[in-house]
Amino acid sequence: MKRIDKILEYIAESTKKISKEALFAGEGITAAEIADDQKMLRNNVSKELNNLLRDDLILKIKGRPVRFLHKQIIEDTFRVRLKEKQIEVKSIKEVLLPDEQVDPFHALIGFRGSMRNQVEQGKAAILYPPRGLHTLIVGQTGVGKTMFARLMYHYGKYMKRFSEHAPFIVFNCADYFNNPHLLLSHIFGHVKGAFTGADHEKAGLVEKADGGILFLDEIHRLPPEGQEMIFYFMDTHTYNKLGETDRKRDASVLLIGATTEDPGSSMLKTFIRRIPITINIPSLQERAIEEQMLILKHLFANEANRVNKPIRIESEVVRALIGSVTYGNIGQLKSNIQLVCAKGFLNSIHENKEEIGLDFKNLPGNIRDGLFNIDKTQYKMKEIGCISSGLYITPEGRKALDEEVVSELPFNLYKLIEDKIGML
């Protein structure tokens, strides 16, 4: 291994060991430490550090002494993307804080890869004058349509398209698909006496979403009457509550719909024509293997953070998990990871271990079969052969994201397991 590669590897491993608190306090690796550990001359170390800086592989924290950090490790740890050639800063806080200075789409895995066109479409929809463009997000179950819509919302705030307190309202159209009357009341509201039981005036979702985004999930479940109500509002930005005769109310609302179906076969053509942007989210299998691995690592980092224990994953487990996703995409992968982590957590308690170990023989049968499904799909064993030594995920390997962006279980599964074992 070349001298420069040894130094870069040492900086990478040392950066991983530094806690977030220590990073914010100015911790880093000095040239003297590298020279001492690697048994190299200080002048040679300084020369190679300058080369690594020019190659944009490390960060230089100015001070006495000067300290260095591995740039990619910092990006992965804090789930951000630093500017190119941003190599010399006064403090790590300078590049990480405040969060609002970071493009929200940079939190999306593949924003420069398989999702690049989709990100550009989403940004165009938000920024198009004067009120943005209504958008339809199409994709299979579990690909992240809701998360993409939330990123559009956060991007709108980031670009000052929306105010800081602008609403993001979610409505699942399947809840009222067989009752257009109730649907009208829910979306547009009603006045007192509009129908039996209407004892007081009620604000609808359109009124609540004024100045922000109304996200219509499973929009293909809207009946024709519901679609007509919505597209009239899209045309005029005016509406009336149930029980009113005049359309005298106005709301500035950007509509984003999501569907798993072919829009042309499940929705009115007059409705589709009013939605100028359609964003297709690729399935997990259509993503590059590198992106699939990043998604898998991120999901494991979420679990390590929740349980506050490191997780050691055998290479066969990684392959099996990737191959186990036959439907459900990222949503299914997340569920499978939570299942194996819960089982591994239980074993770690029984064995009194400080880390969770996931090995192939302890996987549920349906996930274990994923190892053999790889050969039947587009994947070749050599494509993920680089994971020969498995993965080791620590609790510090993840930035705490906005709970609105990354939905989690409504309870702590691991705390529940721990409490049950304690009771038994």
Protein backbone atom coordinates (compact mmCIF):
# COMPACT_ATOMS: atom_id res chain seq x y z
CA MET A 1 0.00 0.00 0.00
CA LYS A 2 1.31 3.45 -0.92
CA ARG A 3 2.21 5.92 1.79
CA ILE A 4 -0.63 8.29 0.86
CA ASP A 5 -3.16 5.43 1.03
CA LYS A 6 -1.92 4.41 4.48
CA ILE A 7 -2.33 7.96 5.74
CA LEU A 8 -5.85 8.27 4.25
CA GLU A 9 -6.88 4.94 5.77
CA TYR A 10 -5.55 6.00 9.18
CA ILE A 11 -7.48 9.31 9.02
CA ALA A 12 -10.65 7.44 8.01
CA GLU A 13 -10.43 4.95 10.88
CA SER A 14 -9.54 7.66 13.39
CA THR A 15 -12.40 9.91 12.24
CA LYS A 16 -14.88 7.06 12.79
CA LYS A 17 -13.76 6.75 16.43
CA ILE A 18 -14.36 10.41 17.29
CA SER A 19 -17.74 11.11 18.91
CA LYS A 20 -19.99 13.87 17.59
CA GLU A 21 -19.46 15.88 20.74
CA ALA A 22 -15.68 15.67 20.30
CA LEU A 23 -15.99 16.67 16.63
CA PHE A 24 -17.95 19.78 17.57
CA ALA A 25 -15.36 20.49 20.26
CA GLY A 26 -12.65 20.62 17.57
CA GLU A 27 -11.22 17.12 17.82
CA GLY A 28 -9.29 15.77 14.83
CA ILE A 29 -6.10 14.02 13.73
CA THR A 30 -2.79 15.91 13.73
CA ALA A 31 0.18 15.38 11.42
CA ALA A 32 2.28 14.50 14.47
CA GLU A 33 -0.12 11.72 15.47
CA ILE A 34 -0.02 10.26 11.96
CA ALA A 35 3.78 10.38 11.79
CA ASP A 36 4.08 8.73 15.19
CA ASP A 37 1.54 5.95 14.50
CA GLN A 38 2.68 5.19 10.96
CA LYS A 39 6.41 5.54 11.75
CA MET A 40 6.85 8.16 9.02
CA LEU A 41 8.83 11.38 8.80
CA ARG A 42 6.76 14.45 9.65
CA ASN A 43 7.75 16.20 6.39
CA ASN A 44 6.54 13.23 4.32
CA VAL A 45 3.24 13.16 6.22
CA SER A 46 2.69 16.90 5.61
CA LYS A 47 3.42 16.45 1.90
CA GLU A 48 0.84 13.66 1.55
CA LEU A 49 -1.72 15.62 3.59
CA ASN A 50 -1.43 18.48 1.11
CA ASN A 51 -2.00 16.01 -1.74
CA LEU A 52 -5.10 14.62 -0.02
CA LEU A 53 -6.40 18.15 0.50
CA ARG A 54 -5.96 18.91 -3.19
CA ASP A 55 -7.85 15.72 -4.04
CA ASP A 56 -10.72 16.89 -1.78
CA LEU A 57 -10.55 13.73 0.36
CA ILE A 58 -9.95 15.30 3.77
CA LEU A 59 -10.96 18.40 5.75
CA LYS A 60 -8.47 20.73 7.38
CA ILE A 61 -9.54 22.28 10.68
CA LYS A 62 -7.48 25.43 11.19
CA GLY A 63 -5.95 25.99 14.60
CA ARG A 64 -2.91 25.12 16.70
CA PRO A 65 -2.21 22.39 15.97
CA VAL A 66 -3.93 21.93 12.59
CA ARG A 67 -6.22 18.91 12.59
CA PHE A 68 -7.61 16.73 9.80
CA LEU A 69 -10.79 14.69 9.25
CA HIS A 70 -11.89 12.27 6.55
CA LYS A 71 -14.43 14.14 4.40
CA GLN A 72 -16.52 11.13 3.30
CA ILE A 73 -16.79 9.83 6.88
CA ILE A 74 -18.05 13.25 8.04
CA GLU A 75 -20.64 13.27 5.23
CA ASP A 76 -21.83 9.75 6.10
CA THR A 77 -21.89 10.43 9.85
CA PHE A 78 -23.93 13.62 9.63
CA ARG A 79 -25.94 12.67 6.48
CA VAL A 80 -24.89 15.80 4.60
CA ARG A 81 -23.09 16.56 1.37
CA LEU A 82 -20.30 19.10 1.73
CA LYS A 83 -19.38 21.52 -1.01
CA GLU A 84 -16.73 20.43 -3.47
CA LYS A 85 -13.29 21.75 -2.56
CA GLN A 86 -14.57 22.80 0.88
CA ILE A 87 -11.35 21.62 2.47
CA GLU A 88 -10.30 24.27 5.01
CA VAL A 89 -12.62 25.49 7.77
CA LYS A 90 -12.31 27.08 11.20
CA SER A 91 -14.59 24.50 12.83
CA ILE A 92 -16.69 21.49 11.85
CA LYS A 93 -19.70 23.57 12.92
CA GLU A 94 -18.95 25.86 9.99
CA VAL A 95 -19.88 23.14 7.50
CA LEU A 96 -22.62 21.38 9.48
CA LEU A 97 -24.57 24.22 11.11
CA PRO A 98 -27.07 25.64 10.65
CA ASP A 99 -28.97 22.75 9.02
CA GLU A 100 -31.22 25.04 7.00
CA GLN A 101 -28.22 25.96 4.85
CA VAL A 102 -28.08 22.43 3.46
CA ASP A 103 -30.23 21.51 0.46
CA PRO A 104 -32.82 19.04 1.89
CA PHE A 105 -32.54 16.86 -1.23
CA HIS A 106 -28.93 16.11 -0.27
CA ALA A 107 -30.38 13.78 2.38
CA LEU A 108 -31.82 11.62 -0.43
CA ILE A 109 -29.63 8.66 -1.34
CA GLY A 110 -29.03 8.79 -5.08
CA PHE A 111 -29.71 12.52 -5.46
CA ARG A 112 -26.70 12.68 -7.79
CA GLY A 113 -27.31 9.21 -9.24
CA SER A 114 -30.51 7.33 -10.07
CA MET A 115 -32.70 10.05 -8.52
CA ARG A 116 -31.05 13.02 -10.21
CA ASN A 117 -33.80 13.66 -12.78
CA GLN A 118 -36.52 13.19 -10.16
CA VAL A 119 -34.83 15.73 -7.86
CA GLU A 120 -34.61 18.25 -10.70
CA GLN A 121 -38.31 17.73 -11.46
CA GLY A 122 -39.23 18.16 -7.79
CA LYS A 123 -37.26 21.39 -7.53
CA ALA A 124 -38.79 22.75 -10.74
CA ALA A 125 -42.29 21.97 -9.44
CA ILE A 126 -41.63 23.93 -6.26
CA LEU A 127 -39.96 26.95 -7.86
CA TYR A 128 -42.13 27.44 -10.96
CA PRO A 129 -43.87 30.84 -10.72
CA PRO A 130 -46.17 32.01 -9.39
CA ARG A 131 -47.41 29.17 -7.13
CA GLY A 132 -45.47 26.12 -8.27
CA LEU A 133 -46.72 23.20 -10.36
CA HIS A 134 -49.10 20.51 -9.12
CA THR A 135 -47.27 17.19 -9.16
CA LEU A 136 -48.01 13.46 -9.36
CA ILE A 137 -45.52 11.01 -7.85
CA VAL A 138 -45.74 7.50 -9.29
CA GLY A 139 -44.02 4.40 -7.93
CA GLN A 140 -44.44 0.98 -6.38
CA THR A 141 -45.34 0.49 -2.74
CA GLY A 142 -42.45 1.31 -0.43
CA VAL A 143 -40.21 3.29 -2.83
CA GLY A 144 -40.46 6.49 -0.77
CA LYS A 145 -43.14 8.60 -2.46
CA THR A 146 -44.25 10.25 0.78
CA MET A 147 -40.67 10.97 1.79
CA PHE A 148 -40.00 12.55 -1.62
CA ALA A 149 -43.05 14.80 -1.20
CA ARG A 150 -41.79 15.87 2.23
CA LEU A 151 -38.38 16.67 0.75
CA MET A 152 -40.13 18.88 -1.82
CA TYR A 153 -41.84 20.64 1.07
CA HIS A 154 -38.58 21.16 2.98
CA TYR A 155 -36.91 22.35 -0.23
CA GLY A 156 -39.72 24.91 -0.62
CA LYS A 157 -38.91 26.27 2.85
CA TYR A 158 -35.17 26.12 2.13
CA MET A 159 -35.69 28.25 -1.00
CA LYS A 160 -38.11 30.57 0.81
CA ARG A 161 -40.93 29.45 -1.49
CA PHE A 162 -42.94 28.68 1.66
CA SER A 163 -42.78 30.35 5.03
CA GLU A 164 -40.97 28.59 7.87
CA HIS A 165 -44.31 27.55 9.42
CA ALA A 166 -46.03 26.59 6.15
CA PRO A 167 -48.26 23.50 6.54
CA PHE A 168 -47.71 20.06 5.02
CA ILE A 169 -51.06 18.23 5.18
CA VAL A 170 -51.33 14.51 4.38
CA PHE A 171 -54.61 12.92 3.28
CA ASN A 172 -55.11 9.29 2.29
CA CYS A 173 -57.79 9.22 -0.39
CA ALA A 174 -58.60 5.58 0.34
CA ASP A 175 -60.22 6.60 3.63
CA TYR A 176 -63.26 8.15 1.93
CA PHE A 177 -63.18 6.73 -1.60
CA ASN A 178 -66.73 5.29 -1.34
CA ASN A 179 -68.35 8.40 0.14
CA PRO A 180 -68.00 11.51 -2.08
CA HIS A 181 -70.23 13.54 0.27
CA LEU A 182 -68.00 12.93 3.28
CA LEU A 183 -64.93 13.41 1.07
CA LEU A 184 -66.14 16.89 0.08
CA SER A 185 -66.67 17.80 3.73
CA HIS A 186 -63.25 16.53 4.74
CA ILE A 187 -61.30 18.27 1.97
CA PHE A 188 -63.19 21.55 1.73
CA GLY A 189 -64.93 21.73 5.12
CA HIS A 190 -68.56 22.53 5.91
CA VAL A 191 -70.66 25.25 7.48
CA LYS A 192 -73.00 24.87 10.42
CA GLY A 193 -76.24 23.17 9.38
CA ALA A 194 -74.83 21.84 6.09
CA PHE A 195 -76.11 18.36 7.01
CA THR A 196 -77.54 16.48 9.95
CA GLY A 197 -75.02 16.56 12.77
CA ALA A 198 -73.11 19.60 11.46
CA ASP A 199 -73.38 21.52 14.73
CA HIS A 200 -70.49 23.84 14.01
CA GLU A 201 -68.42 25.10 11.10
CA LYS A 202 -65.43 22.95 10.19
CA ALA A 203 -62.24 23.86 8.34
CA GLY A 204 -61.27 21.53 5.50
CA LEU A 205 -57.83 20.30 4.50
CA VAL A 206 -57.58 22.93 1.75
CA GLU A 207 -58.00 25.71 4.32
CA LYS A 208 -55.49 24.08 6.67
CA ALA A 209 -52.96 23.68 3.83
CA ASP A 210 -53.21 27.32 2.69
CA GLY A 211 -49.71 28.62 2.00
CA GLY A 212 -48.22 25.12 1.89
CA ILE A 213 -48.71 21.65 0.43
CA LEU A 214 -51.65 19.22 0.44
CA PHE A 215 -50.33 15.70 -0.16
CA LEU A 216 -52.98 13.32 -1.52
CA ASP A 217 -51.76 9.76 -1.00
CA GLU A 218 -53.34 6.94 -3.05
CA ILE A 219 -54.90 9.58 -5.25
CA HIS A 220 -56.10 6.89 -7.67
CA ARG A 221 -58.66 5.91 -5.01
CA LEU A 222 -60.48 9.22 -5.45
CA PRO A 223 -63.87 8.62 -7.11
CA PRO A 224 -64.65 10.65 -10.27
CA GLU A 225 -66.71 13.10 -8.20
CA GLY A 226 -63.75 13.70 -5.90
CA GLN A 227 -61.38 14.22 -8.82
CA GLU A 228 -63.76 16.80 -10.30
CA MET A 229 -63.85 18.68 -6.99
CA ILE A 230 -60.07 18.76 -6.85
CA PHE A 231 -59.38 19.76 -10.46
CA TYR A 232 -61.85 22.66 -10.27
CA PHE A 233 -59.89 23.94 -7.27
CA MET A 234 -56.62 23.47 -9.19
CA ASP A 235 -58.00 25.57 -12.05
CA THR A 236 -59.35 28.48 -10.02
CA HIS A 237 -57.75 28.24 -6.54
CA THR A 238 -61.25 28.95 -5.24
CA TYR A 239 -63.65 26.68 -3.37
CA ASN A 240 -66.74 26.66 -1.21
CA LYS A 241 -67.46 24.72 1.94
CA LEU A 242 -70.23 22.16 1.98
CA GLY A 243 -73.46 24.10 2.54
CA GLU A 244 -72.27 27.21 0.68
CA THR A 245 -73.43 28.14 -2.82
CA ASP A 246 -70.76 30.65 -3.90
CA ARG A 247 -67.10 29.86 -4.48
CA LYS A 248 -65.88 32.87 -2.58
CA ARG A 249 -63.01 31.27 -0.67
CA ASP A 250 -59.44 31.34 -1.94
CA ALA A 251 -56.41 29.25 -0.95
CA SER A 252 -52.87 29.04 -2.25
CA VAL A 253 -52.18 25.33 -2.05
CA LEU A 254 -49.69 23.22 -4.00
CA LEU A 255 -51.16 19.76 -4.58
CA ILE A 256 -48.94 16.67 -4.70
CA GLY A 257 -50.54 13.32 -5.42
CA ALA A 258 -49.04 9.84 -5.09
CA THR A 259 -50.16 6.62 -6.75
CA THR A 260 -49.00 3.05 -7.28
CA GLU A 261 -51.21 2.72 -10.36
CA ASP A 262 -50.89 3.76 -14.00
CA PRO A 263 -52.48 7.24 -13.94
CA GLY A 264 -53.86 6.85 -17.47
CA SER A 265 -55.95 3.81 -16.51
CA SER A 266 -57.07 4.77 -13.01
CA MET A 267 -57.78 8.50 -13.19
CA LEU A 268 -59.86 10.89 -15.29
CA LYS A 269 -58.01 12.27 -18.31
CA THR A 270 -59.30 15.76 -17.50
CA PHE A 271 -57.74 15.40 -14.05
CA ILE A 272 -54.38 14.13 -15.35
CA ARG A 273 -54.14 17.02 -17.82
CA ARG A 274 -54.19 19.47 -14.92
CA ILE A 275 -51.10 17.92 -13.34
CA PRO A 276 -48.13 19.12 -15.44
CA ILE A 277 -45.35 17.18 -13.69
CA THR A 278 -45.22 13.42 -13.17
CA ILE A 279 -42.26 12.05 -11.16
CA ASN A 280 -41.53 8.32 -11.43
CA ILE A 281 -39.67 6.88 -8.43
CA PRO A 282 -37.60 3.78 -9.35
CA SER A 283 -37.96 0.52 -7.46
CA LEU A 284 -35.17 -0.66 -5.16
CA GLN A 285 -34.11 -3.25 -7.75
CA GLU A 286 -33.70 -0.51 -10.36
CA ARG A 287 -31.26 1.39 -8.16
CA ALA A 288 -27.50 0.91 -8.55
CA ILE A 289 -26.06 -1.66 -6.16
CA GLU A 290 -24.01 1.11 -4.52
CA GLU A 291 -27.23 3.00 -3.70
CA GLN A 292 -28.89 -0.14 -2.38
CA MET A 293 -25.94 -0.64 -0.04
CA LEU A 294 -26.16 2.98 1.17
CA ILE A 295 -29.88 2.55 1.85
CA LEU A 296 -29.22 -0.68 3.73
CA LYS A 297 -26.45 0.95 5.81
CA HIS A 298 -28.68 3.93 6.60
CA LEU A 299 -31.52 1.67 7.78
CA PHE A 300 -29.11 -0.30 9.96
CA ALA A 301 -27.74 2.98 11.35
CA ASN A 302 -31.29 3.97 12.33
CA GLU A 303 -31.63 0.74 14.33
CA ALA A 304 -28.19 1.10 15.92
CA ASN A 305 -29.16 4.60 17.00
CA ARG A 306 -32.48 3.46 18.48
CA VAL A 307 -31.00 0.56 20.43
CA ASN A 308 -27.77 2.45 21.23
CA LYS A 309 -25.64 -0.59 20.44
CA PRO A 310 -23.26 -1.35 17.57
CA ILE A 311 -24.47 -3.93 15.05
CA ARG A 312 -22.14 -6.45 13.40
CA ILE A 313 -23.58 -7.95 10.19
CA GLU A 314 -22.13 -10.97 8.37
CA SER A 315 -21.64 -10.59 4.60
CA GLU A 316 -24.16 -13.40 3.93
CA VAL A 317 -26.77 -11.48 5.93
CA VAL A 318 -26.19 -8.38 3.77
CA ARG A 319 -26.65 -10.41 0.58
CA ALA A 320 -29.71 -12.18 1.96
CA LEU A 321 -31.38 -8.91 2.95
CA ILE A 322 -30.82 -7.37 -0.48
CA GLY A 323 -32.10 -10.51 -2.19
CA SER A 324 -35.11 -10.76 0.15
CA VAL A 325 -36.77 -7.65 -1.29
CA THR A 326 -39.13 -9.15 -3.86
CA TYR A 327 -41.86 -6.57 -3.27
CA GLY A 328 -42.36 -3.59 -1.00
CA ASN A 329 -38.99 -2.02 -1.92
CA ILE A 330 -37.37 0.15 0.78
CA GLY A 331 -40.39 -0.33 3.03
CA GLN A 332 -39.96 -4.09 2.94
CA LEU A 333 -36.19 -3.85 3.41
CA LYS A 334 -36.76 -1.65 6.46
CA SER A 335 -39.23 -4.16 7.95
CA ASN A 336 -36.84 -7.07 7.32
CA ILE A 337 -33.96 -5.19 8.95
CA GLN A 338 -36.07 -4.34 11.99
CA LEU A 339 -37.09 -7.99 12.28
CA VAL A 340 -33.53 -9.36 12.24
CA CYS A 341 -32.29 -6.57 14.53
CA ALA A 342 -35.04 -7.33 17.06
CA LYS A 343 -34.03 -11.01 17.07
CA GLY A 344 -30.34 -10.09 17.31
CA PHE A 345 -31.10 -7.69 20.17
CA LEU A 346 -32.88 -10.46 22.06
CA ASN A 347 -29.87 -12.75 21.60
CA SER A 348 -27.48 -10.01 22.78
CA ILE A 349 -29.45 -9.74 26.03
CA HIS A 350 -29.42 -13.51 26.60
CA GLU A 351 -25.68 -13.67 25.88
CA ASN A 352 -24.96 -10.42 27.78
CA LYS A 353 -23.14 -8.85 24.82
CA GLU A 354 -22.51 -5.16 24.23
CA GLU A 355 -23.13 -5.46 20.48
CA ILE A 356 -25.79 -7.04 18.27
CA GLY A 357 -24.43 -9.81 16.05
CA LEU A 358 -26.40 -10.87 12.98
CA ASP A 359 -25.37 -14.16 11.43
CA PHE A 360 -26.92 -16.10 8.57
CA LYS A 361 -28.03 -19.18 10.49
CA ASN A 362 -30.29 -17.11 12.76
CA LEU A 363 -32.20 -15.40 9.94
CA PRO A 364 -35.88 -16.21 9.36
CA GLY A 365 -36.38 -18.61 6.47
CA ASN A 366 -37.97 -16.10 4.08
CA ILE A 367 -35.04 -13.69 4.51
CA ARG A 368 -32.45 -16.46 4.33
CA ASP A 369 -33.90 -17.45 0.95
CA GLY A 370 -32.93 -14.00 -0.31
CA LEU A 371 -29.32 -15.17 -0.59
CA PHE A 372 -30.40 -17.65 -3.26
CA ASN A 373 -32.72 -15.18 -4.98
CA ILE A 374 -29.75 -13.01 -5.94
CA ASP A 375 -28.73 -15.39 -8.73
CA LYS A 376 -32.27 -15.26 -10.16
CA THR A 377 -32.27 -11.47 -10.41
CA GLN A 378 -30.08 -8.85 -12.04
CA TYR A 379 -27.50 -9.13 -9.26
CA LYS A 380 -24.28 -11.11 -9.55
CA MET A 381 -22.46 -12.32 -6.50
CA LYS A 382 -19.32 -10.46 -7.59
CA GLU A 383 -21.24 -7.14 -7.56
CA ILE A 384 -21.59 -7.35 -3.79
CA GLY A 385 -18.50 -9.43 -3.23
CA CYS A 386 -16.78 -6.35 -1.83
CA ILE A 387 -18.65 -6.99 1.42
CA SER A 388 -16.53 -10.04 2.18
CA SER A 389 -15.91 -8.92 5.76
CA GLY A 390 -19.49 -7.83 6.47
CA LEU A 391 -20.55 -4.51 8.04
CA TYR A 392 -20.08 -2.91 11.43
CA ILE A 393 -22.55 -0.10 12.21
CA THR A 394 -22.18 2.09 15.29
CA PRO A 395 -24.88 4.26 16.93
CA GLU A 396 -22.91 7.39 16.03
CA GLY A 397 -23.06 6.59 12.32
CA ARG A 398 -26.27 8.52 11.68
CA LYS A 399 -27.52 12.07 11.94
CA ALA A 400 -30.88 12.38 13.64
CA LEU A 401 -33.21 13.41 10.84
CA ASP A 402 -36.51 15.22 11.06
CA GLU A 403 -39.13 12.69 12.17
CA GLU A 404 -41.41 14.10 9.49
CA VAL A 405 -38.93 13.01 6.84
CA VAL A 406 -37.99 9.60 8.26
CA SER A 407 -41.01 7.86 9.73
CA GLU A 408 -40.28 5.45 12.56
CA LEU A 409 -42.28 2.98 14.59
CA PRO A 410 -44.61 4.70 17.09
CA PHE A 411 -42.90 2.77 19.91
CA ASN A 412 -39.38 1.62 20.78
CA LEU A 413 -39.37 -2.05 19.82
CA TYR A 414 -36.11 -2.74 21.66
CA LYS A 415 -37.29 -1.13 24.90
CA LEU A 416 -40.41 -3.29 24.65
CA ILE A 417 -38.28 -6.45 24.28
CA GLU A 418 -36.07 -5.40 27.21
CA ASP A 419 -39.07 -4.70 29.45
CA LYS A 420 -40.70 -8.05 28.60
CA ILE A 421 -37.50 -9.95 29.37
CA GLY A 422 -37.12 -8.07 32.63
CA MET A 423 -40.67 -8.95 33.62
CA LEU A 424 -40.18 -12.62 32.73
